[in-house]
Amino acid sequence: MPDYCFVMGNGEIITASYDRSDALSQDQVYTEVKNAFTSLGNDQVEIKSVSDDLREVYQVTIPRPAQHEKETVYVCAKGTTPGGRDNLKNEQRIQQKARFLNYAYKMQTEGHKAISLGVYKRDGVVIFCAWRLAQSNALSPDTPISKQIKIETIAKAVTDGFVQQDKGKGELACAFRKEFIYFYLQNCSWLHNGYVNNLAEHTKPISSLHEATYHTNLASRFARNRIIFGAPGTGKSYGLEKDRKEILQNETVGGYERVTFHPDYSYAQFVGTYKPVSEGTDIYYKFVPGPFMRVYAEALKNSRTEDPQPYVLIIEEINRANVAAVFGDVFQLLDRDDEGASQYEIEASEDIRKYLAEQLGGTPEQFAKIRIPNNMFIWATMNSADQGVFPMDTAFKRRWDFSYLGIDDNDSEISGKTVIVGSGETRQRIEWNKLRKAINSYLANKGINEDKQLGPYFLSRNIVVPENGSEIDSEKFCTAFKNKVIMYLFEDAARQKRQDLFKGCFNNFNRYSEICHEFDLKGVGIFNEVIQHDAEPEDLGQQPFSRQPSNGEES
């Protein structure tokens, strides 16, 4: 074998022959990577190959006690060897298959940290060489991709600890001792195109690491505080869920929580309070955060990073609780400035100060005054048709962006969807959307407000929007129609109009069970002539239904 340049333990460069048997095995690479990640006493680090097919890609799980979480890093690593371009004697290189690099790159695009390393070892010294992780466009996944670094760079890393090499075209390679693995990991996003002497531009002083950041560069087309309201079944929750998936990019960024308000819901449940907790046989009190404080802490933690992401708190049925009591002093934080952060701050309680210090680091005094960061979104639904709801005062309302869903908005999915109702000679095929609109038209003509009428999804979407075709499952529909539509009309929306609405039931208009029984027999025949006409049922029986009033019933 020809002679190549190598670095000795004291940083001296020598020329010596190279035997392929000197190359590090993958087991030896694993050992050196593990030694690096545990070199600072972090012996709880877990490292393993992703799979047998991806044996050169390691999944490294690093505990982060200060953040009460674990970080997962993907390390594509291989031992370096001499040679390569024009048999240059003063270079080391790695040759990794494209599929290994592309897997690590894929993990990086999904939000994980991922790095590409070469491991140099000789004369007891270990130096890690690092290159910018990039996707390979090689035709074959087994094509070896070469990356090189000068032996002089490795030698300088032995004596100086951490160095960079200009590879041209604005790209830098790095070489460092194992003690610098966490420094590299923390700064790898810029170390391959920016010099380490510009470190101050990319890091914060220790004194500011725990300071709250309320204004980030996160831009969004969505309002920070928004309430979607409308009649029952207009798709308010469904619409918010679609928007949530969009802003969180299908769960790949940020986070969210969902909570449903009810008349007994309180500030202690929403924001947090001291509660007894047990640990083994011991019982003690500690501050237990509610959904608002949990999302707030996560958003505030993320706001300090260079990659701010959205965190969403979704409140279902916001007006079913006394919002003034539930929000308490948090109400003041809902005033947002032009960038989406709270315009005014509030004094945090001692409990909240301690909790935030535990979650985000720092001292309780640093969280004496708090505001909502502009990467936190609070979205809610409101059904103004509900009985017994709590009114919202004007001061509370003006802090929200209200969006109204009309009674016929979002009905395109149910258009043309039909179902068979009734039995025997009175079987009918009806279109749910036409029946719904016929009932709504009747209610409107009787002076009943739109918020009491039926939205497209008053019956669940999974019932009225069949997976295949346009035919709705009759059994599921009829059961839901009796339990929801008839019950709602009977008990709430048309309580004072029963006799006229359920005219087809004759004297049974005031008996819910009999109306349901009549529906099983004759479908939309339970309603008055106007609704029957407007619903345009298709008669599937041999003759129209005709029942003579029984004794005691009026004709």
Protein backbone atom coordinates (compact mmCIF):
# COMPACT_ATOMS: atom_id res chain seq x y z
CA MET A 1 0.00 0.00 0.00
CA PRO A 2 1.26 3.55 -0.70
CA ASP A 3 2.30 5.91 2.07
CA TYR A 4 -0.17 8.47 3.46
CA CYS A 5 -0.12 11.24 6.02
CA PHE A 6 -1.44 10.53 9.52
CA VAL A 7 -1.73 12.52 12.75
CA MET A 8 -0.20 11.23 15.96
CA GLY A 9 -1.40 11.77 19.52
CA ASN A 10 0.69 14.93 19.98
CA GLY A 11 -0.62 16.54 16.77
CA GLU A 12 2.44 15.66 14.71
CA ILE A 13 1.88 14.70 11.08
CA ILE A 14 3.83 11.66 9.88
CA THR A 15 4.01 9.66 6.68
CA ALA A 16 3.40 5.96 6.97
CA SER A 17 2.10 3.03 4.99
CA TYR A 18 -1.59 2.21 5.26
CA ASP A 19 -3.04 -1.23 5.78
CA ARG A 20 -6.76 -1.66 5.19
CA SER A 21 -6.92 -3.72 8.35
CA ASP A 22 -6.26 -0.48 10.26
CA ALA A 23 -9.68 0.89 9.21
CA LEU A 24 -12.22 1.19 12.01
CA SER A 25 -14.95 -1.44 12.05
CA GLN A 26 -18.53 -0.28 12.49
CA ASP A 27 -18.50 -1.68 16.02
CA GLN A 28 -15.48 0.51 16.80
CA VAL A 29 -17.25 3.54 15.29
CA TYR A 30 -20.26 2.83 17.54
CA THR A 31 -17.98 2.71 20.58
CA GLU A 32 -16.32 6.06 19.77
CA VAL A 33 -19.65 7.77 19.09
CA LYS A 34 -21.00 6.47 22.39
CA ASN A 35 -17.85 7.58 24.23
CA ALA A 36 -18.24 11.07 22.83
CA PHE A 37 -21.86 11.47 23.89
CA THR A 38 -21.13 10.12 27.40
CA SER A 39 -17.79 11.93 27.81
CA LEU A 40 -19.28 14.74 29.92
CA GLY A 41 -20.76 12.41 32.49
CA ASN A 42 -24.06 11.98 30.70
CA ASP A 43 -24.20 8.22 31.17
CA GLN A 44 -27.98 8.10 30.58
CA VAL A 45 -27.49 8.58 26.84
CA GLU A 46 -28.93 5.73 24.78
CA ILE A 47 -27.47 4.88 21.38
CA LYS A 48 -28.44 2.19 18.89
CA SER A 49 -28.44 1.54 15.16
CA VAL A 50 -31.71 2.49 13.51
CA SER A 51 -31.97 -0.99 11.97
CA ASP A 52 -29.84 -3.75 10.46
CA ASP A 53 -30.32 -2.17 7.03
CA LEU A 54 -29.28 1.24 8.41
CA ARG A 55 -26.46 0.06 10.65
CA GLU A 56 -24.35 3.19 10.00
CA VAL A 57 -27.12 5.51 11.24
CA TYR A 58 -27.43 5.76 15.02
CA GLN A 59 -30.39 6.99 17.01
CA VAL A 60 -29.01 8.83 20.02
CA THR A 61 -31.42 9.68 22.85
CA ILE A 62 -30.11 12.40 25.16
CA PRO A 63 -31.83 13.25 28.48
CA ARG A 64 -32.37 16.99 29.01
CA PRO A 65 -33.16 17.23 32.75
CA ALA A 66 -33.58 21.01 32.74
CA GLN A 67 -36.34 20.72 30.15
CA HIS A 68 -37.80 17.50 31.62
CA GLU A 69 -37.58 15.83 28.24
CA LYS A 70 -35.37 13.77 25.94
CA GLU A 71 -33.81 14.83 22.66
CA THR A 72 -33.40 12.40 19.77
CA VAL A 73 -30.48 12.90 17.39
CA TYR A 74 -29.63 10.87 14.28
CA VAL A 75 -25.92 10.36 13.64
CA CYS A 76 -24.67 9.04 10.31
CA ALA A 77 -21.13 7.86 11.16
CA LYS A 78 -18.29 5.91 9.56
CA GLY A 79 -14.55 5.55 10.11
CA THR A 80 -12.25 7.68 7.96
CA THR A 81 -9.65 6.24 5.62
CA PRO A 82 -6.80 7.86 3.64
CA GLY A 83 -6.75 8.23 -0.12
CA GLY A 84 -9.47 9.24 -2.49
CA ARG A 85 -9.14 12.13 -4.89
CA ASP A 86 -6.08 11.62 -7.11
CA ASN A 87 -4.59 9.53 -4.28
CA LEU A 88 -3.93 12.68 -2.28
CA LYS A 89 -1.73 11.64 0.61
CA ASN A 90 -2.83 14.43 2.97
CA GLU A 91 -6.56 13.72 3.02
CA GLN A 92 -8.91 11.54 5.04
CA ARG A 93 -12.33 10.62 3.73
CA ILE A 94 -15.48 8.68 4.42
CA GLN A 95 -17.58 6.84 1.86
CA GLN A 96 -21.13 6.35 3.04
CA LYS A 97 -23.94 4.86 1.02
CA ALA A 98 -26.56 7.29 -0.21
CA ARG A 99 -29.37 5.52 1.68
CA PHE A 100 -27.67 6.15 5.04
CA LEU A 101 -27.23 9.85 4.33
CA ASN A 102 -30.72 10.20 2.90
CA TYR A 103 -32.33 8.58 5.93
CA ALA A 104 -30.54 11.00 8.25
CA TYR A 105 -31.52 13.88 5.96
CA LYS A 106 -35.16 12.73 6.07
CA MET A 107 -35.07 12.79 9.88
CA GLN A 108 -33.69 16.32 9.72
CA THR A 109 -36.53 17.48 7.47
CA GLU A 110 -39.00 16.01 10.00
CA GLY A 111 -37.65 18.27 12.72
CA HIS A 112 -34.99 16.09 14.37
CA LYS A 113 -31.32 16.98 14.62
CA ALA A 114 -29.20 14.87 12.28
CA ILE A 115 -25.47 15.02 11.57
CA SER A 116 -22.86 13.34 9.34
CA LEU A 117 -19.62 12.30 11.06
CA GLY A 118 -16.35 10.65 10.17
CA VAL A 119 -14.29 9.08 12.98
CA TYR A 120 -10.48 9.37 12.78
CA LYS A 121 -8.45 7.26 15.26
CA ARG A 122 -4.70 6.67 15.47
CA ASP A 123 -2.11 6.55 18.22
CA GLY A 124 -4.84 6.79 20.87
CA VAL A 125 -6.27 10.07 19.56
CA VAL A 126 -9.87 10.32 18.28
CA ILE A 127 -11.05 13.22 16.14
CA PHE A 128 -14.56 13.64 14.76
CA CYS A 129 -14.86 15.11 11.28
CA ALA A 130 -18.19 16.64 10.30
CA TRP A 131 -19.71 17.76 7.02
CA ARG A 132 -22.96 19.47 6.15
CA LEU A 133 -25.71 16.87 5.89
CA ALA A 134 -27.26 16.96 2.43
CA GLN A 135 -29.57 14.77 0.41
CA SER A 136 -27.94 12.55 -2.20
CA ASN A 137 -29.40 12.32 -5.70
CA ALA A 138 -27.45 9.16 -6.56
CA LEU A 139 -29.39 6.76 -8.79
CA SER A 140 -28.63 3.81 -6.55
CA PRO A 141 -29.19 3.92 -2.77
CA ASP A 142 -25.97 1.90 -2.39
CA THR A 143 -23.82 4.43 -4.22
CA PRO A 144 -20.95 5.48 -1.89
CA ILE A 145 -20.83 9.25 -1.31
CA SER A 146 -17.33 10.57 -0.57
CA LYS A 147 -16.52 13.42 1.82
CA GLN A 148 -12.95 14.61 2.41
CA ILE A 149 -11.00 16.60 4.98
CA LYS A 150 -7.33 17.69 5.09
CA ILE A 151 -4.96 15.93 7.49
CA GLU A 152 -3.74 19.38 8.59
CA THR A 153 -7.27 20.13 9.80
CA ILE A 154 -7.34 16.96 11.89
CA ALA A 155 -3.88 17.78 13.32
CA LYS A 156 -5.02 21.24 14.37
CA ALA A 157 -8.12 19.73 16.02
CA VAL A 158 -5.81 17.53 18.13
CA THR A 159 -4.05 20.58 19.56
CA ASP A 160 -6.80 23.23 19.44
CA GLY A 161 -9.91 21.15 20.13
CA PHE A 162 -12.19 22.55 17.39
CA VAL A 163 -11.32 23.81 13.91
CA GLN A 164 -12.95 24.50 10.55
CA GLN A 165 -11.72 23.95 7.00
CA ASP A 166 -12.89 25.97 4.01
CA LYS A 167 -13.91 23.49 1.32
CA GLY A 168 -14.79 26.20 -1.18
CA LYS A 169 -18.17 27.39 -2.46
CA GLY A 170 -18.99 28.73 0.97
CA GLU A 171 -18.99 25.33 2.69
CA LEU A 172 -16.95 24.50 5.79
CA ALA A 173 -15.95 21.13 7.23
CA CYS A 174 -15.38 20.76 10.98
CA ALA A 175 -12.96 18.67 13.03
CA PHE A 176 -13.07 18.39 16.82
CA ARG A 177 -12.20 16.34 19.86
CA LYS A 178 -14.99 14.37 21.53
CA GLU A 179 -15.38 17.02 24.27
CA PHE A 180 -16.87 19.32 21.63
CA ILE A 181 -19.62 16.94 20.44
CA TYR A 182 -22.38 18.83 22.26
CA PHE A 183 -21.04 22.20 21.13
CA TYR A 184 -21.14 20.97 17.55
CA LEU A 185 -24.59 19.46 17.99
CA GLN A 186 -25.95 22.73 19.38
CA ASN A 187 -24.51 24.82 16.54
CA CYS A 188 -24.35 22.47 13.55
CA SER A 189 -27.09 24.42 11.74
CA TRP A 190 -24.64 27.26 10.99
CA LEU A 191 -21.11 25.89 11.54
CA HIS A 192 -20.86 24.67 7.94
CA ASN A 193 -21.43 28.09 6.44
CA GLY A 194 -20.30 30.43 9.22
CA TYR A 195 -17.02 30.72 11.11
CA VAL A 196 -16.85 29.84 14.79
CA ASN A 197 -15.37 33.25 15.63
CA ASN A 198 -18.85 34.59 14.83
CA LEU A 199 -20.28 32.51 17.68
CA ALA A 200 -21.70 35.57 19.43
CA GLU A 201 -24.05 36.15 16.50
CA HIS A 202 -25.62 32.73 16.97
CA THR A 203 -25.82 32.35 20.74
CA LYS A 204 -27.22 34.19 23.73
CA PRO A 205 -25.25 35.15 26.83
CA ILE A 206 -25.88 32.89 29.82
CA SER A 207 -27.65 35.69 31.65
CA SER A 208 -30.31 35.91 28.92
CA LEU A 209 -30.92 32.22 28.30
CA HIS A 210 -33.85 32.10 30.71
CA GLU A 211 -35.40 35.43 29.83
CA ALA A 212 -38.87 35.24 28.30
CA THR A 213 -39.23 36.06 24.61
CA TYR A 214 -42.67 37.24 23.56
CA HIS A 215 -42.01 38.47 20.02
CA THR A 216 -40.79 35.86 17.54
CA ASN A 217 -40.51 35.94 13.76
CA LEU A 218 -43.42 33.50 13.41
CA ALA A 219 -45.87 34.74 10.79
CA SER A 220 -49.32 33.24 10.30
CA ARG A 221 -52.45 33.96 8.30
CA PHE A 222 -54.53 32.90 11.31
CA ALA A 223 -55.70 35.24 14.07
CA ARG A 224 -54.14 34.58 17.49
CA ASN A 225 -57.48 34.83 19.35
CA ARG A 226 -60.43 33.58 17.34
CA ILE A 227 -63.92 32.29 17.99
CA ILE A 228 -65.89 30.34 15.39
CA PHE A 229 -69.64 30.53 16.05
CA GLY A 230 -72.83 29.45 14.36
CA ALA A 231 -75.86 27.19 14.53
CA PRO A 232 -75.62 23.57 15.71
CA GLY A 233 -73.95 21.29 13.16
CA THR A 234 -72.38 23.94 10.92
CA GLY A 235 -68.93 22.36 11.27
CA LYS A 236 -67.30 24.69 13.77
CA SER A 237 -65.10 22.07 15.44
CA TYR A 238 -64.35 20.40 12.11
CA GLY A 239 -63.21 23.70 10.64
CA LEU A 240 -60.94 24.47 13.58
CA GLU A 241 -59.46 20.99 13.36
CA LYS A 242 -58.60 21.52 9.68
CA ASP A 243 -56.95 24.83 10.52
CA ARG A 244 -55.07 23.24 13.42
CA LYS A 245 -53.62 20.56 11.15
CA GLU A 246 -52.60 23.25 8.67
CA ILE A 247 -50.84 25.50 11.16
CA LEU A 248 -49.11 22.54 12.86
CA GLN A 249 -48.24 21.02 9.48
CA ASN A 250 -49.96 17.72 10.33
CA GLU A 251 -48.33 17.41 13.75
CA THR A 252 -44.76 17.99 12.51
CA VAL A 253 -44.30 21.29 14.33
CA GLY A 254 -45.48 22.91 17.54
CA GLY A 255 -48.19 21.39 19.73
CA TYR A 256 -51.73 21.82 20.98
CA GLU A 257 -54.28 20.95 23.67
CA ARG A 258 -58.06 20.83 23.50
CA VAL A 259 -60.41 21.58 26.39
CA THR A 260 -64.22 21.76 26.63
CA PHE A 261 -65.81 24.37 28.86
CA HIS A 262 -68.87 23.59 30.99
CA PRO A 263 -70.88 25.54 33.58
CA ASP A 264 -68.72 24.34 36.50
CA TYR A 265 -65.38 24.95 34.79
CA SER A 266 -63.07 27.23 36.82
CA TYR A 267 -59.89 29.31 36.76
CA ALA A 268 -58.15 26.63 38.84
CA GLN A 269 -58.88 24.02 36.15
CA PHE A 270 -58.00 26.31 33.24
CA VAL A 271 -54.85 28.02 34.53
CA GLY A 272 -53.78 25.84 37.45
CA THR A 273 -53.85 25.48 41.22
CA TYR A 274 -52.26 23.68 44.14
CA LYS A 275 -53.47 20.08 44.44
CA PRO A 276 -52.51 17.08 46.56
CA VAL A 277 -50.35 14.61 44.64
CA SER A 278 -49.02 11.24 45.74
CA GLU A 279 -45.61 9.75 45.23
CA GLY A 280 -45.40 6.28 46.65
CA THR A 281 -46.77 6.54 50.18
CA ASP A 282 -46.08 10.28 50.41
CA ILE A 283 -48.78 12.87 49.75
CA TYR A 284 -47.86 16.49 49.24
CA TYR A 285 -49.19 19.63 47.55
CA LYS A 286 -47.81 21.08 44.34
CA PHE A 287 -48.91 23.45 41.60
CA VAL A 288 -50.73 21.48 38.89
CA PRO A 289 -51.03 23.48 35.64
CA GLY A 290 -54.19 23.60 33.58
CA PRO A 291 -54.33 23.49 29.77
CA PHE A 292 -53.72 27.23 29.41
CA MET A 293 -50.54 27.17 31.50
CA ARG A 294 -49.24 23.97 29.88
CA VAL A 295 -49.59 25.36 26.36
CA TYR A 296 -48.26 28.73 27.54
CA ALA A 297 -45.09 27.15 28.99
CA GLU A 298 -44.43 25.15 25.83
CA ALA A 299 -44.96 28.19 23.61
CA LEU A 300 -42.71 30.34 25.78
CA LYS A 301 -40.00 27.69 25.80
CA ASN A 302 -40.12 27.41 22.02
CA SER A 303 -40.18 31.20 21.55
CA ARG A 304 -36.53 31.36 22.64
CA THR A 305 -35.35 29.18 19.78
CA GLU A 306 -34.23 30.20 16.33
CA ASP A 307 -37.12 28.18 14.88
CA PRO A 308 -40.31 29.42 16.61
CA GLN A 309 -43.32 27.18 16.09
CA PRO A 310 -47.05 27.60 16.77
CA TYR A 311 -48.77 26.25 19.90
CA VAL A 312 -52.56 26.12 19.89
CA LEU A 313 -55.07 25.99 22.73
CA ILE A 314 -58.49 24.95 21.44
CA ILE A 315 -61.53 25.68 23.63
CA GLU A 316 -64.76 23.92 22.69
CA GLU A 317 -68.06 25.50 23.76
CA ILE A 318 -66.39 28.59 25.25
CA ASN A 319 -69.67 30.23 26.23
CA ARG A 320 -70.87 27.30 28.32
CA ALA A 321 -68.68 28.54 31.19
CA ASN A 322 -68.44 31.90 32.90
CA VAL A 323 -65.49 33.13 30.84
CA ALA A 324 -64.83 36.16 33.04
CA ALA A 325 -64.31 33.84 36.03
CA VAL A 326 -62.44 31.15 34.09
CA PHE A 327 -59.91 33.52 32.47
CA GLY A 328 -59.53 35.73 35.54
CA ASP A 329 -56.47 37.97 35.23
CA VAL A 330 -55.44 36.12 32.04
CA PHE A 331 -58.21 38.15 30.41
CA GLN A 332 -55.79 41.12 30.33
CA LEU A 333 -53.31 39.12 28.26
CA LEU A 334 -55.78 38.64 25.41
CA ASP A 335 -55.10 42.16 24.11
CA ARG A 336 -52.55 41.44 21.37
CA ASP A 337 -50.23 43.96 19.72
CA ASP A 338 -49.57 44.21 15.98
CA GLU A 339 -47.11 41.30 16.14
CA GLY A 340 -49.47 39.01 18.06
CA ALA A 341 -47.96 39.16 21.57
CA SER A 342 -49.82 40.44 24.62
CA GLN A 343 -49.89 44.22 24.62
CA TYR A 344 -50.06 44.38 28.42
CA GLU A 345 -48.42 42.25 31.09
CA ILE A 346 -49.84 40.91 34.35
CA GLU A 347 -48.29 40.02 37.68
CA ALA A 348 -47.87 36.26 37.91
CA SER A 349 -48.76 34.53 41.16
CA GLU A 350 -46.01 32.98 43.22
CA ASP A 351 -47.20 29.52 42.16
CA ILE A 352 -47.00 30.36 38.46
CA ARG A 353 -43.58 31.98 38.85
CA LYS A 354 -42.17 28.84 40.44
CA TYR A 355 -43.79 26.58 37.87
CA LEU A 356 -42.41 28.55 34.92
CA ALA A 357 -38.94 28.63 36.49
CA GLU A 358 -39.06 24.83 36.84
CA GLN A 359 -40.21 24.34 33.26
CA LEU A 360 -38.09 26.96 31.51
CA GLY A 361 -35.11 27.37 33.83
CA GLY A 362 -34.05 30.51 35.63
CA THR A 363 -35.45 32.01 38.81
CA PRO A 364 -39.07 32.71 39.79
CA GLU A 365 -38.27 36.43 39.82
CA GLN A 366 -37.65 36.32 36.06
CA PHE A 367 -41.32 35.41 35.56
CA ALA A 368 -42.82 37.98 37.91
CA LYS A 369 -44.53 39.66 34.96
CA ILE A 370 -45.80 37.61 32.03
CA ARG A 371 -47.31 38.09 28.59
CA ILE A 372 -48.55 35.69 25.92
CA PRO A 373 -45.92 35.14 23.18
CA ASN A 374 -46.98 35.56 19.57
CA ASN A 375 -46.46 31.85 18.83
CA MET A 376 -49.41 30.95 21.11
CA PHE A 377 -52.85 30.75 19.53
CA ILE A 378 -56.15 30.51 21.42
CA TRP A 379 -59.04 29.28 19.27
CA ALA A 380 -62.58 28.52 20.38
CA THR A 381 -66.00 27.41 19.21
CA MET A 382 -69.28 28.92 20.36
CA ASN A 383 -72.82 27.66 19.87
CA SER A 384 -75.15 30.54 20.62
CA ALA A 385 -78.19 28.25 20.39
CA ASP A 386 -77.31 26.50 23.67
CA GLN A 387 -79.66 27.01 26.57
CA GLY A 388 -78.32 28.26 29.87
CA VAL A 389 -75.07 29.62 28.44
CA PHE A 390 -73.16 32.46 30.06
CA PRO A 391 -73.20 35.78 28.20
CA MET A 392 -69.92 37.42 27.19
CA ASP A 393 -69.41 41.07 27.97
CA THR A 394 -68.27 43.51 25.30
CA ALA A 395 -64.78 43.93 26.78
CA PHE A 396 -64.18 40.19 26.48
CA LYS A 397 -65.63 39.95 22.98
CA ARG A 398 -63.54 42.75 21.49
CA ARG A 399 -60.35 40.81 22.24
CA TRP A 400 -61.37 38.03 19.83
CA ASP A 401 -61.66 37.67 16.10
CA PHE A 402 -65.18 36.30 15.50
CA SER A 403 -65.99 34.23 12.40
CA TYR A 404 -69.57 33.21 11.68
CA LEU A 405 -70.44 29.94 9.94
CA GLY A 406 -73.75 30.31 8.12
CA ILE A 407 -76.43 27.67 8.29
CA ASP A 408 -75.69 26.47 4.74
CA ASP A 409 -71.93 27.00 4.70
CA ASN A 410 -69.90 23.85 4.14
CA ASP A 411 -72.89 21.81 2.88
CA SER A 412 -71.22 20.72 -0.39
CA GLU A 413 -70.22 17.35 1.06
CA ILE A 414 -73.80 16.38 1.90
CA SER A 415 -75.35 17.61 -1.33
CA GLY A 416 -76.87 14.68 -3.23
CA LYS A 417 -76.48 12.24 -0.31
CA THR A 418 -79.70 10.26 0.06
CA VAL A 419 -81.18 7.80 2.54
CA ILE A 420 -84.21 5.50 2.68
CA VAL A 421 -86.69 6.15 5.51
CA GLY A 422 -90.12 4.79 6.40
CA SER A 423 -91.28 1.21 5.88
CA GLY A 424 -93.50 -0.88 3.67
CA GLU A 425 -95.68 1.09 1.31
CA THR A 426 -94.45 4.39 2.79
CA ARG A 427 -90.74 3.89 2.11
CA GLN A 428 -89.12 7.03 0.75
CA ARG A 429 -85.73 8.09 -0.50
CA ILE A 430 -84.86 11.56 0.77
CA GLU A 431 -81.85 13.84 0.50
CA TRP A 432 -80.72 14.87 3.98
CA ASN A 433 -79.71 18.34 2.79
CA LYS A 434 -83.14 19.01 1.24
CA LEU A 435 -84.96 17.78 4.36
CA ARG A 436 -82.72 19.89 6.59
CA LYS A 437 -83.34 23.00 4.49
CA ALA A 438 -87.09 22.33 4.41
CA ILE A 439 -87.19 22.16 8.23
CA ASN A 440 -85.05 25.31 8.49
CA SER A 441 -87.32 27.16 6.07
CA TYR A 442 -90.32 26.28 8.21
CA LEU A 443 -88.54 27.40 11.39
CA ALA A 444 -87.49 30.68 9.77
CA ASN A 445 -91.05 31.38 8.61
CA LYS A 446 -92.17 30.89 12.20
CA GLY A 447 -89.71 33.54 13.42
CA ILE A 448 -87.19 31.11 14.87
CA ASN A 449 -83.62 32.49 14.64
CA GLU A 450 -80.98 30.91 12.43
CA ASP A 451 -78.88 29.89 15.43
CA LYS A 452 -81.69 27.49 16.39
CA GLN A 453 -81.80 25.85 12.97
CA LEU A 454 -80.03 22.73 11.69
CA GLY A 455 -76.52 22.91 10.26
CA PRO A 456 -75.28 20.44 7.59
CA TYR A 457 -73.56 18.31 10.24
CA PHE A 458 -76.16 18.44 12.98
CA LEU A 459 -75.98 14.70 12.39
CA SER A 460 -72.40 13.47 12.54
CA ARG A 461 -70.32 13.76 9.41
CA ASN A 462 -69.53 10.03 9.51
CA ILE A 463 -73.28 9.37 9.20
CA VAL A 464 -74.37 11.85 6.52
CA VAL A 465 -71.20 11.62 4.39
CA PRO A 466 -70.86 7.96 3.33
CA GLU A 467 -67.36 6.65 2.66
CA ASN A 468 -68.38 5.36 -0.75
CA GLY A 469 -71.16 6.45 -3.08
CA SER A 470 -74.07 8.68 -2.19
CA GLU A 471 -76.32 6.34 -0.18
CA ILE A 472 -76.42 6.97 3.58
CA ASP A 473 -76.74 3.98 5.92
CA SER A 474 -80.48 3.94 6.69
CA GLU A 475 -80.29 2.32 10.12
CA LYS A 476 -77.63 4.69 11.44
CA PHE A 477 -79.38 7.71 9.96
CA CYS A 478 -82.82 6.87 11.34
CA THR A 479 -81.46 6.17 14.81
CA ALA A 480 -79.52 9.46 14.85
CA PHE A 481 -82.45 11.39 13.35
CA LYS A 482 -84.79 10.26 16.13
CA ASN A 483 -82.25 10.75 18.92
CA LYS A 484 -80.95 14.10 17.75
CA VAL A 485 -83.11 15.91 15.19
CA ILE A 486 -86.56 14.96 16.49
CA MET A 487 -85.45 15.36 20.11
CA TYR A 488 -83.93 18.79 19.39
CA LEU A 489 -87.01 20.02 17.55
CA PHE A 490 -89.36 18.55 20.14
CA GLU A 491 -87.55 19.82 23.26
CA ASP A 492 -85.89 23.00 22.05
CA ALA A 493 -86.12 24.69 18.64
CA ALA A 494 -89.84 24.04 17.94
CA ARG A 495 -91.10 23.33 21.43
CA GLN A 496 -93.98 25.82 20.97
CA LYS A 497 -94.70 24.68 17.40
CA ARG A 498 -95.09 20.93 17.91
CA GLN A 499 -98.66 20.66 16.72
CA ASP A 500 -97.97 22.42 13.43
CA LEU A 501 -94.49 20.97 12.86
CA PHE A 502 -95.45 17.33 13.53
CA LYS A 503 -98.83 17.65 11.85
CA GLY A 504 -98.47 14.27 10.19
CA CYS A 505 -98.58 12.63 13.62
CA PHE A 506 -102.12 13.87 14.24
CA ASN A 507 -102.89 13.93 17.99
CA ASN A 508 -99.52 12.32 18.83
CA PHE A 509 -97.64 15.56 18.16
CA ASN A 510 -97.04 16.04 21.91
CA ARG A 511 -95.59 12.58 22.58
CA TYR A 512 -91.93 12.16 21.65
CA SER A 513 -92.02 8.34 21.66
CA GLU A 514 -95.00 8.27 19.33
CA ILE A 515 -93.36 10.73 16.93
CA CYS A 516 -90.32 8.44 16.74
CA HIS A 517 -92.58 5.44 16.14
CA GLU A 518 -94.42 7.31 13.37
CA PHE A 519 -91.05 8.23 11.80
CA ASP A 520 -90.14 4.55 11.60
CA LEU A 521 -93.39 3.93 9.76
CA LYS A 522 -93.66 6.85 7.36
CA GLY A 523 -90.44 8.88 7.39
CA VAL A 524 -90.94 12.54 6.56
CA GLY A 525 -94.69 11.96 6.71
CA ILE A 526 -94.45 12.99 10.39
CA PHE A 527 -94.02 16.61 9.32
CA ASN A 528 -96.54 19.07 7.92
CA GLU A 529 -97.39 19.32 4.23
CA VAL A 530 -95.03 22.24 3.56
CA ILE A 531 -91.95 20.41 4.84
CA GLN A 532 -92.97 17.21 3.05
CA HIS A 533 -93.33 19.13 -0.21
CA ASP A 534 -90.06 21.05 0.11
CA ALA A 535 -88.09 17.91 1.10
CA GLU A 536 -89.05 16.33 -2.26
CA PRO A 537 -89.11 12.70 -1.09
CA GLU A 538 -89.03 9.96 -3.71
CA ASP A 539 -91.87 7.51 -3.06
CA LEU A 540 -90.60 3.91 -3.09
CA GLY A 541 -93.87 2.31 -1.90
CA GLN A 542 -96.82 1.20 -4.00
CA GLN A 543 -99.17 3.89 -2.75
CA PRO A 544 -99.02 6.98 -0.57
CA PHE A 545 -99.45 6.53 3.14
CA SER A 546 -102.92 7.19 4.44
CA ARG A 547 -103.96 6.56 8.01
CA GLN A 548 -107.41 7.29 9.28
CA PRO A 549 -107.56 9.00 12.66
CA SER A 550 -108.38 6.59 15.45
CA ASN A 551 -111.28 7.13 17.82
CA GLY A 552 -110.78 10.33 19.73
CA GLU A 553 -108.33 11.82 17.16
CA GLU A 554 -109.24 14.81 15.08
CA SER A 555 -109.20 14.45 11.34
